[in-house]
């Protein structure tokens, strides 16, 4: 902001003229995609191209970009860890994916997880993960298979009797000592 002294006139500031040039818009032809026109539908006309390009035909059009370069387990592990570094802001997901998957036949990645909550987390990130791996490893045949494995946890030992039984499983002589000295876990 320019300050003026009392009695001094402000000079008009000249702004250089900038001509607005809109970017050139390239129109894409919808001939190959077979999408229906809303205008035509409102007028009661049928779209003939839709039948030509069925889902199978469109799938084949997109499959032309299929890559199938072989890769090793070490290559996959490097790219997996690269993807993990991107997940610093999501610790639950990073922890879930910290276990490396097993590389099986037909480029199938087999990942064992602990519970269904982790499975839900992986399902939410699976498209992004697969896209990353397919692009980086240059193989569009990569698939990720998850399996929930239930770990049988040892029961938590609370009471003195439970503690004694666990120790007696490891050393049977404790039962003999308890009986010989007439020991009991009663209240003192």
N, C-alpha and C. Protein backbone atom coordinates (compact mmCIF):
# COMPACT_ATOMS: atom_id res chain seq x y z
N UNK A 1 0.85 -1.16 0.00
CA UNK A 1 0.00 0.00 0.00
C UNK A 1 0.90 1.23 0.00
N UNK A 2 0.63 2.15 -0.89
CA UNK A 2 1.44 3.37 -1.00
C UNK A 2 0.73 4.47 -0.25
N UNK A 3 1.47 5.13 0.63
CA UNK A 3 0.89 6.22 1.40
C UNK A 3 1.17 7.54 0.68
N UNK A 4 0.20 8.39 0.75
CA UNK A 4 0.39 9.72 0.14
C UNK A 4 0.30 10.77 1.24
N UNK A 5 1.00 11.87 0.98
CA UNK A 5 0.99 12.99 1.94
C UNK A 5 -0.26 13.82 1.69
N UNK A 6 -0.70 14.51 2.72
CA UNK A 6 -1.89 15.35 2.52
C UNK A 6 -1.65 16.37 1.39
N UNK A 7 -2.61 16.49 0.53
CA UNK A 7 -2.53 17.43 -0.57
C UNK A 7 -1.87 16.84 -1.81
N UNK A 8 -1.35 15.65 -1.72
CA UNK A 8 -0.69 15.02 -2.85
C UNK A 8 -1.70 14.15 -3.60
N UNK A 9 -1.62 14.19 -4.92
CA UNK A 9 -2.56 13.42 -5.74
C UNK A 9 -2.04 12.00 -5.94
N UNK A 10 -2.99 11.11 -5.98
CA UNK A 10 -2.65 9.73 -6.27
C UNK A 10 -2.60 9.55 -7.78
N UNK A 11 -1.54 8.88 -8.22
CA UNK A 11 -1.42 8.62 -9.65
C UNK A 11 -2.07 7.27 -9.95
N UNK A 12 -2.81 7.23 -11.03
CA UNK A 12 -3.43 5.96 -11.37
C UNK A 12 -2.36 4.92 -11.74
N UNK A 13 -2.57 3.74 -11.28
CA UNK A 13 -1.64 2.66 -11.56
C UNK A 13 -2.10 1.95 -12.83
N UNK A 14 -1.18 1.77 -13.73
CA UNK A 14 -1.55 1.11 -14.98
C UNK A 14 -1.29 -0.38 -14.84
N UNK A 15 -2.27 -1.14 -15.22
CA UNK A 15 -2.18 -2.59 -15.18
C UNK A 15 -2.02 -3.08 -16.60
N UNK A 16 -1.00 -3.88 -16.85
CA UNK A 16 -0.83 -4.36 -18.23
C UNK A 16 -1.99 -5.28 -18.62
N UNK A 17 -2.37 -5.14 -19.87
CA UNK A 17 -3.47 -5.96 -20.37
C UNK A 17 -3.00 -7.38 -20.63
N UNK A 18 -3.76 -8.31 -20.14
CA UNK A 18 -3.47 -9.72 -20.37
C UNK A 18 -4.65 -10.29 -21.13
N UNK A 19 -4.36 -10.79 -22.28
CA UNK A 19 -5.43 -11.38 -23.08
C UNK A 19 -5.62 -12.82 -22.62
N UNK A 20 -6.85 -13.16 -22.39
CA UNK A 20 -7.18 -14.51 -21.96
C UNK A 20 -7.27 -15.40 -23.19
N UNK A 21 -6.47 -16.43 -23.17
CA UNK A 21 -6.51 -17.40 -24.27
C UNK A 21 -6.96 -18.73 -23.70
N UNK A 22 -8.15 -19.14 -24.02
CA UNK A 22 -8.61 -20.43 -23.49
C UNK A 22 -7.78 -21.57 -24.08
N UNK A 23 -7.60 -22.59 -23.28
CA UNK A 23 -6.85 -23.75 -23.75
C UNK A 23 -7.66 -24.46 -24.82
N UNK A 24 -6.94 -25.02 -25.73
CA UNK A 24 -7.57 -25.74 -26.81
C UNK A 24 -8.13 -27.06 -26.29
N UNK A 25 -9.37 -27.27 -26.52
CA UNK A 25 -10.04 -28.47 -26.03
C UNK A 25 -10.10 -29.49 -27.16
N UNK A 26 -9.62 -30.68 -26.86
CA UNK A 26 -9.67 -31.75 -27.83
C UNK A 26 -10.87 -32.62 -27.48
N UNK A 27 -11.75 -32.74 -28.42
CA UNK A 27 -12.93 -33.56 -28.19
C UNK A 27 -12.63 -35.00 -28.57
N UNK A 28 -13.02 -35.89 -27.68
CA UNK A 28 -12.82 -37.30 -27.94
C UNK A 28 -14.05 -37.86 -28.63
N UNK A 29 -13.80 -38.75 -29.51
CA UNK A 29 -14.88 -39.40 -30.22
C UNK A 29 -15.44 -40.52 -29.36
N UNK A 30 -16.74 -40.57 -29.26
CA UNK A 30 -17.37 -41.61 -28.46
C UNK A 30 -17.77 -42.81 -29.32
N UNK A 31 -17.31 -42.85 -30.55
CA UNK A 31 -17.69 -43.94 -31.44
C UNK A 31 -17.25 -45.30 -30.90
N UNK A 32 -16.05 -45.37 -30.39
CA UNK A 32 -15.52 -46.66 -29.97
C UNK A 32 -16.04 -47.12 -28.61
N UNK A 33 -16.58 -46.23 -27.82
CA UNK A 33 -16.98 -46.59 -26.48
C UNK A 33 -18.42 -47.08 -26.39
N UNK A 34 -19.26 -46.69 -27.30
CA UNK A 34 -20.62 -47.18 -27.31
C UNK A 34 -21.45 -46.70 -26.14
N UNK A 35 -21.23 -45.49 -25.70
CA UNK A 35 -22.03 -44.96 -24.59
C UNK A 35 -23.29 -44.34 -25.13
N UNK A 36 -24.40 -44.50 -24.44
CA UNK A 36 -25.65 -43.93 -24.93
C UNK A 36 -25.68 -42.41 -24.73
N UNK A 37 -26.38 -41.74 -25.61
CA UNK A 37 -26.55 -40.30 -25.52
C UNK A 37 -27.82 -40.01 -24.75
N UNK A 38 -27.74 -39.09 -23.80
CA UNK A 38 -28.92 -38.72 -23.03
C UNK A 38 -29.94 -38.04 -23.94
N UNK A 39 -29.44 -37.19 -24.81
CA UNK A 39 -30.31 -36.47 -25.74
C UNK A 39 -31.08 -37.46 -26.62
N UNK A 40 -30.37 -38.46 -27.13
CA UNK A 40 -31.02 -39.47 -27.97
C UNK A 40 -32.04 -40.28 -27.17
N UNK A 41 -31.69 -40.60 -25.94
CA UNK A 41 -32.61 -41.39 -25.11
C UNK A 41 -33.88 -40.61 -24.83
N UNK A 42 -33.77 -39.30 -24.60
CA UNK A 42 -34.95 -38.48 -24.35
C UNK A 42 -35.83 -38.36 -25.59
N UNK A 43 -35.21 -38.45 -26.76
CA UNK A 43 -35.97 -38.38 -28.00
C UNK A 43 -36.51 -39.74 -28.42
N UNK A 44 -36.17 -40.78 -27.64
CA UNK A 44 -36.69 -42.11 -27.93
C UNK A 44 -35.87 -42.89 -28.91
N UNK A 45 -34.67 -42.42 -29.24
CA UNK A 45 -33.81 -43.14 -30.18
C UNK A 45 -32.99 -44.17 -29.42
N UNK A 46 -32.72 -45.30 -30.08
CA UNK A 46 -31.91 -46.34 -29.48
C UNK A 46 -30.46 -46.15 -29.90
N UNK A 47 -29.54 -46.51 -29.00
CA UNK A 47 -28.11 -46.44 -29.32
C UNK A 47 -27.68 -47.77 -29.91
N UNK A 48 -27.28 -47.76 -31.17
CA UNK A 48 -26.87 -48.98 -31.85
C UNK A 48 -25.48 -49.43 -31.44
N UNK A 49 -24.61 -48.51 -31.09
CA UNK A 49 -23.22 -48.82 -30.78
C UNK A 49 -23.07 -49.60 -29.47
N UNK A 50 -24.03 -49.47 -28.57
CA UNK A 50 -23.92 -50.13 -27.28
C UNK A 50 -23.90 -51.63 -27.46
N UNK A 51 -24.71 -52.14 -28.35
CA UNK A 51 -24.76 -53.57 -28.58
C UNK A 51 -23.48 -54.07 -29.22
N UNK A 52 -22.86 -53.24 -30.08
CA UNK A 52 -21.62 -53.61 -30.75
C UNK A 52 -20.51 -53.87 -29.75
N UNK A 53 -20.36 -52.96 -28.79
CA UNK A 53 -19.28 -53.06 -27.81
C UNK A 53 -19.81 -53.57 -26.48
N UNK A 54 -19.96 -54.85 -26.42
CA UNK A 54 -20.43 -55.45 -25.17
C UNK A 54 -19.32 -55.38 -24.13
N UNK A 55 -19.62 -55.84 -22.95
CA UNK A 55 -18.63 -55.81 -21.87
C UNK A 55 -17.41 -56.66 -22.23
N UNK A 56 -17.64 -57.78 -22.88
CA UNK A 56 -16.52 -58.65 -23.25
C UNK A 56 -15.59 -57.97 -24.25
N UNK A 57 -16.18 -57.27 -25.22
CA UNK A 57 -15.38 -56.57 -26.22
C UNK A 57 -14.59 -55.44 -25.57
N UNK A 58 -15.24 -54.69 -24.69
CA UNK A 58 -14.54 -53.60 -24.00
C UNK A 58 -13.43 -54.14 -23.11
N UNK A 59 -13.66 -55.29 -22.48
CA UNK A 59 -12.62 -55.90 -21.65
C UNK A 59 -11.41 -56.27 -22.50
N UNK A 60 -11.66 -56.82 -23.67
CA UNK A 60 -10.56 -57.19 -24.56
C UNK A 60 -9.80 -55.94 -25.03
N UNK A 61 -10.50 -54.83 -25.24
CA UNK A 61 -9.83 -53.59 -25.65
C UNK A 61 -8.87 -53.13 -24.57
N UNK A 62 -9.28 -53.25 -23.31
CA UNK A 62 -8.43 -52.79 -22.21
C UNK A 62 -7.33 -53.79 -21.88
N UNK A 63 -7.51 -55.04 -22.25
CA UNK A 63 -6.52 -56.08 -21.96
C UNK A 63 -5.32 -56.01 -22.89
N UNK A 64 -5.40 -55.23 -23.94
CA UNK A 64 -4.29 -55.11 -24.87
C UNK A 64 -3.03 -54.61 -24.18
N UNK A 65 -3.22 -53.90 -23.09
CA UNK A 65 -2.09 -53.34 -22.36
C UNK A 65 -1.51 -54.33 -21.36
N UNK A 66 -1.86 -55.59 -21.46
CA UNK A 66 -1.43 -56.60 -20.49
C UNK A 66 0.08 -56.82 -20.58
N UNK A 67 0.71 -56.83 -19.40
CA UNK A 67 2.14 -57.11 -19.31
C UNK A 67 2.32 -58.36 -18.46
N UNK A 68 3.36 -59.09 -18.76
CA UNK A 68 3.59 -60.30 -17.99
C UNK A 68 5.08 -60.57 -17.84
N UNK A 69 5.81 -59.59 -17.33
CA UNK A 69 7.24 -59.78 -17.11
C UNK A 69 7.46 -60.58 -15.84
N UNK A 70 8.34 -61.56 -15.86
CA UNK A 70 8.61 -62.33 -14.65
C UNK A 70 9.38 -61.49 -13.62
N UNK A 71 9.20 -61.83 -12.36
CA UNK A 71 9.93 -61.15 -11.29
C UNK A 71 10.25 -62.16 -10.20
N UNK A 72 11.21 -61.81 -9.38
CA UNK A 72 11.63 -62.71 -8.32
C UNK A 72 10.98 -62.32 -7.00
N UNK A 73 11.14 -63.17 -6.01
CA UNK A 73 10.60 -62.88 -4.68
C UNK A 73 11.27 -61.64 -4.10
N UNK A 74 12.56 -61.47 -4.37
CA UNK A 74 13.30 -60.30 -3.86
C UNK A 74 12.77 -59.01 -4.49
N UNK A 75 12.46 -59.06 -5.78
CA UNK A 75 11.88 -57.88 -6.45
C UNK A 75 10.55 -57.51 -5.82
N UNK A 76 9.73 -58.54 -5.59
CA UNK A 76 8.42 -58.30 -4.99
C UNK A 76 8.57 -57.72 -3.59
N UNK A 77 9.52 -58.25 -2.80
CA UNK A 77 9.72 -57.74 -1.44
C UNK A 77 10.16 -56.28 -1.44
N UNK A 78 11.02 -55.91 -2.38
CA UNK A 78 11.47 -54.51 -2.47
C UNK A 78 10.29 -53.59 -2.76
N UNK A 79 9.47 -53.96 -3.72
CA UNK A 79 8.33 -53.12 -4.09
C UNK A 79 7.27 -53.11 -2.98
N UNK A 80 7.11 -54.24 -2.29
CA UNK A 80 6.17 -54.32 -1.17
C UNK A 80 6.60 -53.34 -0.08
N UNK A 81 7.89 -53.34 0.24
CA UNK A 81 8.41 -52.43 1.27
C UNK A 81 8.36 -50.98 0.83
N UNK A 82 8.51 -50.73 -0.47
CA UNK A 82 8.36 -49.38 -0.99
C UNK A 82 6.94 -48.89 -0.78
N UNK A 83 5.98 -49.76 -1.01
CA UNK A 83 4.58 -49.40 -0.79
C UNK A 83 4.31 -49.15 0.70
N UNK A 84 4.92 -49.95 1.56
CA UNK A 84 4.74 -49.78 3.01
C UNK A 84 5.22 -48.40 3.49
N UNK A 85 6.29 -47.90 2.88
CA UNK A 85 6.81 -46.59 3.29
C UNK A 85 5.79 -45.48 3.02
N UNK A 86 4.89 -45.71 2.09
CA UNK A 86 3.86 -44.71 1.79
C UNK A 86 2.76 -44.67 2.84
N UNK A 87 2.73 -45.65 3.74
CA UNK A 87 1.64 -45.79 4.70
C UNK A 87 2.00 -45.31 6.10
N UNK A 88 2.93 -44.38 6.21
CA UNK A 88 3.34 -43.89 7.53
C UNK A 88 2.20 -43.22 8.28
N UNK A 89 1.25 -42.64 7.57
CA UNK A 89 0.13 -41.97 8.21
C UNK A 89 -1.00 -42.93 8.60
N UNK A 90 -0.87 -44.22 8.25
CA UNK A 90 -1.88 -45.23 8.57
C UNK A 90 -1.22 -46.41 9.27
N UNK A 91 -0.93 -46.28 10.57
CA UNK A 91 -0.16 -47.32 11.26
C UNK A 91 -0.84 -48.68 11.32
N UNK A 92 -2.17 -48.74 11.43
CA UNK A 92 -2.85 -50.04 11.47
C UNK A 92 -2.64 -50.82 10.18
N UNK A 93 -2.78 -50.12 9.08
CA UNK A 93 -2.60 -50.76 7.78
C UNK A 93 -1.14 -51.16 7.58
N UNK A 94 -0.24 -50.29 7.98
CA UNK A 94 1.19 -50.59 7.84
C UNK A 94 1.56 -51.81 8.67
N UNK A 95 1.01 -51.91 9.86
CA UNK A 95 1.27 -53.06 10.72
C UNK A 95 0.71 -54.34 10.10
N UNK A 96 -0.47 -54.25 9.53
CA UNK A 96 -1.10 -55.41 8.90
C UNK A 96 -0.30 -55.91 7.71
N UNK A 97 0.21 -54.98 6.90
CA UNK A 97 0.95 -55.35 5.70
C UNK A 97 2.44 -55.56 5.94
N UNK A 98 2.88 -55.46 7.19
CA UNK A 98 4.31 -55.62 7.47
C UNK A 98 4.77 -57.07 7.27
N UNK A 99 3.84 -58.00 7.32
CA UNK A 99 4.14 -59.40 7.03
C UNK A 99 4.23 -59.57 5.52
N UNK A 100 5.32 -60.12 5.04
CA UNK A 100 5.51 -60.29 3.59
C UNK A 100 4.68 -61.46 3.06
N UNK A 101 4.06 -61.29 1.90
CA UNK A 101 3.28 -62.39 1.33
C UNK A 101 4.19 -63.44 0.69
N UNK A 102 3.64 -64.62 0.54
CA UNK A 102 4.35 -65.71 -0.11
C UNK A 102 4.02 -65.67 -1.60
N UNK A 103 5.04 -65.77 -2.45
CA UNK A 103 4.85 -65.76 -3.89
C UNK A 103 4.56 -67.18 -4.35
N UNK A 104 3.37 -67.37 -4.95
CA UNK A 104 2.96 -68.70 -5.42
C UNK A 104 2.89 -68.72 -6.93
N UNK A 105 2.44 -69.84 -7.48
CA UNK A 105 2.32 -69.99 -8.93
C UNK A 105 1.36 -68.95 -9.50
N UNK A 106 1.55 -68.65 -10.78
CA UNK A 106 0.70 -67.71 -11.53
C UNK A 106 0.67 -66.33 -10.89
N UNK A 107 1.78 -65.91 -10.30
CA UNK A 107 1.97 -64.57 -9.74
C UNK A 107 0.95 -64.26 -8.64
N UNK A 108 0.61 -65.26 -7.89
CA UNK A 108 -0.34 -65.08 -6.80
C UNK A 108 0.42 -64.80 -5.51
N UNK A 109 0.04 -63.72 -4.83
CA UNK A 109 0.65 -63.36 -3.56
C UNK A 109 -0.29 -63.84 -2.45
N UNK A 110 0.21 -64.70 -1.59
CA UNK A 110 -0.60 -65.30 -0.53
C UNK A 110 -0.19 -64.68 0.80
N UNK A 111 -1.13 -64.01 1.46
CA UNK A 111 -0.85 -63.30 2.70
C UNK A 111 -1.73 -63.84 3.82
N UNK A 112 -1.09 -64.33 4.88
CA UNK A 112 -1.84 -64.80 6.04
C UNK A 112 -1.98 -63.65 7.02
N UNK A 113 -3.20 -63.45 7.50
CA UNK A 113 -3.48 -62.38 8.45
C UNK A 113 -4.15 -62.96 9.68
N UNK A 114 -4.18 -62.17 10.76
CA UNK A 114 -4.62 -62.69 12.05
C UNK A 114 -6.13 -62.67 12.27
N UNK A 115 -6.83 -61.68 11.71
CA UNK A 115 -8.27 -61.59 12.01
C UNK A 115 -9.03 -60.91 10.88
N UNK A 116 -10.34 -60.92 11.00
CA UNK A 116 -11.20 -60.37 9.94
C UNK A 116 -11.12 -58.85 9.87
N UNK A 117 -10.76 -58.20 10.95
CA UNK A 117 -10.61 -56.74 10.91
C UNK A 117 -9.46 -56.37 9.99
N UNK A 118 -8.35 -57.10 10.10
CA UNK A 118 -7.23 -56.86 9.19
C UNK A 118 -7.64 -57.15 7.75
N UNK A 119 -8.47 -58.16 7.54
CA UNK A 119 -8.94 -58.48 6.20
C UNK A 119 -9.74 -57.31 5.62
N UNK A 120 -10.60 -56.69 6.44
CA UNK A 120 -11.37 -55.54 5.98
C UNK A 120 -10.46 -54.37 5.63
N UNK A 121 -9.41 -54.17 6.41
CA UNK A 121 -8.46 -53.10 6.13
C UNK A 121 -7.75 -53.36 4.80
N UNK A 122 -7.36 -54.60 4.57
CA UNK A 122 -6.66 -54.94 3.32
C UNK A 122 -7.59 -54.79 2.13
N UNK A 123 -8.84 -55.18 2.29
CA UNK A 123 -9.80 -55.04 1.19
C UNK A 123 -9.94 -53.58 0.78
N UNK A 124 -9.88 -52.67 1.75
CA UNK A 124 -10.02 -51.25 1.42
C UNK A 124 -8.82 -50.71 0.63
N UNK A 125 -7.64 -51.29 0.82
CA UNK A 125 -6.44 -50.79 0.15
C UNK A 125 -6.02 -51.67 -1.02
N UNK A 126 -6.67 -52.82 -1.20
CA UNK A 126 -6.27 -53.81 -2.19
C UNK A 126 -6.16 -53.26 -3.62
N UNK A 127 -7.13 -52.49 -4.12
CA UNK A 127 -6.98 -51.98 -5.49
C UNK A 127 -5.73 -51.09 -5.67
N UNK A 128 -5.49 -50.24 -4.69
CA UNK A 128 -4.32 -49.36 -4.77
C UNK A 128 -3.02 -50.17 -4.70
N UNK A 129 -2.98 -51.15 -3.82
CA UNK A 129 -1.80 -52.00 -3.66
C UNK A 129 -1.52 -52.79 -4.92
N UNK A 130 -2.55 -53.43 -5.47
CA UNK A 130 -2.37 -54.23 -6.68
C UNK A 130 -1.97 -53.37 -7.88
N UNK A 131 -2.55 -52.20 -8.00
CA UNK A 131 -2.18 -51.30 -9.09
C UNK A 131 -0.71 -50.93 -8.98
N UNK A 132 -0.28 -50.61 -7.77
CA UNK A 132 1.13 -50.25 -7.55
C UNK A 132 2.04 -51.41 -7.91
N UNK A 133 1.76 -52.60 -7.39
CA UNK A 133 2.62 -53.75 -7.65
C UNK A 133 2.63 -54.13 -9.13
N UNK A 134 1.47 -54.10 -9.76
CA UNK A 134 1.40 -54.45 -11.18
C UNK A 134 2.20 -53.47 -12.03
N UNK A 135 2.12 -52.21 -11.68
CA UNK A 135 2.85 -51.19 -12.45
C UNK A 135 4.35 -51.31 -12.21
N UNK A 136 4.75 -51.42 -10.95
CA UNK A 136 6.17 -51.45 -10.62
C UNK A 136 6.85 -52.74 -11.09
N UNK A 137 6.16 -53.86 -10.99
CA UNK A 137 6.75 -55.13 -11.38
C UNK A 137 6.45 -55.48 -12.84
N UNK A 138 5.68 -54.64 -13.50
CA UNK A 138 5.32 -54.80 -14.91
C UNK A 138 4.71 -56.16 -15.20
N UNK A 139 3.71 -56.49 -14.36
CA UNK A 139 3.02 -57.77 -14.53
C UNK A 139 1.57 -57.57 -14.10
N UNK A 140 0.65 -57.61 -15.05
CA UNK A 140 -0.76 -57.38 -14.76
C UNK A 140 -1.47 -58.63 -14.24
N UNK A 141 -0.77 -59.74 -14.14
CA UNK A 141 -1.37 -60.98 -13.66
C UNK A 141 -1.26 -61.15 -12.15
N UNK A 142 -0.68 -60.21 -11.45
CA UNK A 142 -0.49 -60.31 -10.00
C UNK A 142 -1.85 -60.26 -9.30
N UNK A 143 -2.07 -61.19 -8.39
CA UNK A 143 -3.28 -61.23 -7.58
C UNK A 143 -2.87 -61.38 -6.12
N UNK A 144 -3.67 -60.81 -5.22
CA UNK A 144 -3.42 -60.90 -3.79
C UNK A 144 -4.53 -61.73 -3.15
N UNK A 145 -4.13 -62.80 -2.46
CA UNK A 145 -5.08 -63.67 -1.77
C UNK A 145 -4.76 -63.60 -0.28
N UNK A 146 -5.79 -63.34 0.52
CA UNK A 146 -5.59 -63.28 1.96
C UNK A 146 -6.32 -64.44 2.63
N UNK A 147 -5.74 -64.91 3.73
CA UNK A 147 -6.39 -65.97 4.50
C UNK A 147 -6.29 -65.61 5.97
N UNK A 148 -7.41 -65.65 6.65
CA UNK A 148 -7.45 -65.36 8.07
C UNK A 148 -7.09 -66.64 8.82
N UNK A 149 -6.00 -66.59 9.57
CA UNK A 149 -5.58 -67.73 10.37
C UNK A 149 -5.82 -67.40 11.83
N UNK A 150 -6.50 -68.30 12.50
CA UNK A 150 -6.80 -68.05 13.91
C UNK A 150 -5.70 -68.65 14.76
N UNK A 151 -5.10 -67.81 15.57
CA UNK A 151 -4.07 -68.27 16.49
C UNK A 151 -4.73 -68.71 17.78
N UNK A 152 -4.39 -69.92 18.21
CA UNK A 152 -4.93 -70.41 19.47
C UNK A 152 -4.05 -69.85 20.58
N UNK A 153 -4.66 -69.02 21.39
CA UNK A 153 -3.91 -68.37 22.46
C UNK A 153 -4.00 -69.21 23.73
N UNK A 154 -2.92 -69.18 24.49
CA UNK A 154 -2.92 -69.87 25.77
C UNK A 154 -3.82 -69.13 26.73
N UNK A 155 -4.53 -69.88 27.57
CA UNK A 155 -5.41 -69.20 28.52
C UNK A 155 -4.59 -68.37 29.52
N UNK A 156 -5.16 -67.30 29.98
CA UNK A 156 -4.49 -66.42 30.93
C UNK A 156 -4.62 -67.05 32.32
N UNK A 157 -3.49 -67.13 32.99
CA UNK A 157 -3.44 -67.77 34.30
C UNK A 157 -3.61 -66.71 35.38
N UNK A 158 -4.67 -66.87 36.20
CA UNK A 158 -4.96 -65.89 37.24
C UNK A 158 -4.70 -66.44 38.65
N UNK A 159 -5.17 -67.63 38.92
CA UNK A 159 -5.15 -68.13 40.30
C UNK A 159 -3.87 -68.90 40.59
N UNK A 160 -3.60 -69.10 41.87
CA UNK A 160 -2.42 -69.85 42.29
C UNK A 160 -2.50 -71.30 41.82
N UNK A 161 -3.70 -71.88 41.87
CA UNK A 161 -3.87 -73.26 41.42
C UNK A 161 -3.54 -73.40 39.93
N UNK A 162 -3.99 -72.41 39.15
CA UNK A 162 -3.69 -72.43 37.72
C UNK A 162 -2.19 -72.30 37.46
N UNK A 163 -1.54 -71.45 38.24
CA UNK A 163 -0.09 -71.27 38.10
C UNK A 163 0.63 -72.57 38.44
N UNK A 164 0.19 -73.22 39.51
CA UNK A 164 0.81 -74.48 39.91
C UNK A 164 0.62 -75.54 38.82
N UNK A 165 -0.57 -75.64 38.26
CA UNK A 165 -0.84 -76.64 37.22
C UNK A 165 0.04 -76.42 35.99
N UNK A 166 0.23 -75.17 35.60
CA UNK A 166 1.10 -74.86 34.46
C UNK A 166 2.54 -75.26 34.74
N UNK A 167 3.03 -74.98 35.98
CA UNK A 167 4.39 -75.35 36.34
C UNK A 167 4.52 -76.87 36.45
N UNK A 168 3.48 -77.53 36.93
CA UNK A 168 3.51 -78.99 37.07
C UNK A 168 3.52 -79.67 35.71
N UNK A 169 2.94 -79.06 34.69
CA UNK A 169 3.00 -79.61 33.33
C UNK A 169 4.44 -79.65 32.85
N UNK A 170 5.22 -78.65 33.25
CA UNK A 170 6.61 -78.57 32.82
C UNK A 170 7.51 -79.46 33.69
N UNK A 171 7.15 -79.63 34.97
CA UNK A 171 7.97 -80.42 35.88
C UNK A 171 7.04 -81.21 36.80
N UNK A 172 6.90 -82.50 36.55
CA UNK A 172 5.97 -83.36 37.30
C UNK A 172 6.39 -83.54 38.76
N UNK A 173 7.64 -83.28 39.09
CA UNK A 173 8.13 -83.44 40.46
C UNK A 173 7.45 -82.47 41.42
N UNK A 174 6.91 -81.39 40.91
CA UNK A 174 6.24 -80.41 41.78
C UNK A 174 5.01 -81.03 42.47
N UNK A 175 4.30 -81.87 41.77
CA UNK A 175 3.13 -82.53 42.37
C UNK A 175 3.57 -83.41 43.56
N UNK A 176 4.69 -84.10 43.38
CA UNK A 176 5.21 -84.95 44.45
C UNK A 176 5.62 -84.11 45.66
N UNK A 177 6.27 -82.97 45.41
CA UNK A 177 6.67 -82.08 46.51
C UNK A 177 5.45 -81.53 47.25
N UNK A 178 4.45 -81.13 46.49
CA UNK A 178 3.23 -80.59 47.11
C UNK A 178 2.58 -81.64 48.01
N UNK A 179 2.53 -82.88 47.54
CA UNK A 179 1.91 -83.96 48.31
C UNK A 179 2.77 -84.34 49.53
N UNK A 180 4.09 -84.41 49.33
CA UNK A 180 4.99 -84.83 50.40
C UNK A 180 5.01 -83.84 51.56
N UNK A 181 5.03 -82.54 51.22
CA UNK A 181 5.07 -81.52 52.28
C UNK A 181 3.68 -81.02 52.67
N UNK A 182 2.66 -81.64 52.12
CA UNK A 182 1.28 -81.30 52.45
C UNK A 182 1.01 -79.80 52.26
N UNK A 183 1.39 -79.31 51.08
CA UNK A 183 1.22 -77.89 50.78
C UNK A 183 -0.19 -77.63 50.26
N UNK A 184 -0.71 -76.45 50.55
CA UNK A 184 -2.04 -76.07 50.10
C UNK A 184 -2.01 -74.60 49.73
N UNK A 185 -2.92 -74.19 48.85
CA UNK A 185 -2.98 -72.80 48.44
C UNK A 185 -4.08 -72.06 49.18
N UNK A 186 -4.20 -72.29 50.44
CA UNK A 186 -5.26 -71.66 51.22
C UNK A 186 -4.90 -70.22 51.56
N UNK A 187 -5.87 -69.55 52.12
CA UNK A 187 -5.70 -68.16 52.55
C UNK A 187 -4.83 -68.11 53.80
N UNK A 188 -4.04 -67.09 53.92
CA UNK A 188 -3.18 -66.93 55.11
C UNK A 188 -3.82 -65.98 56.08
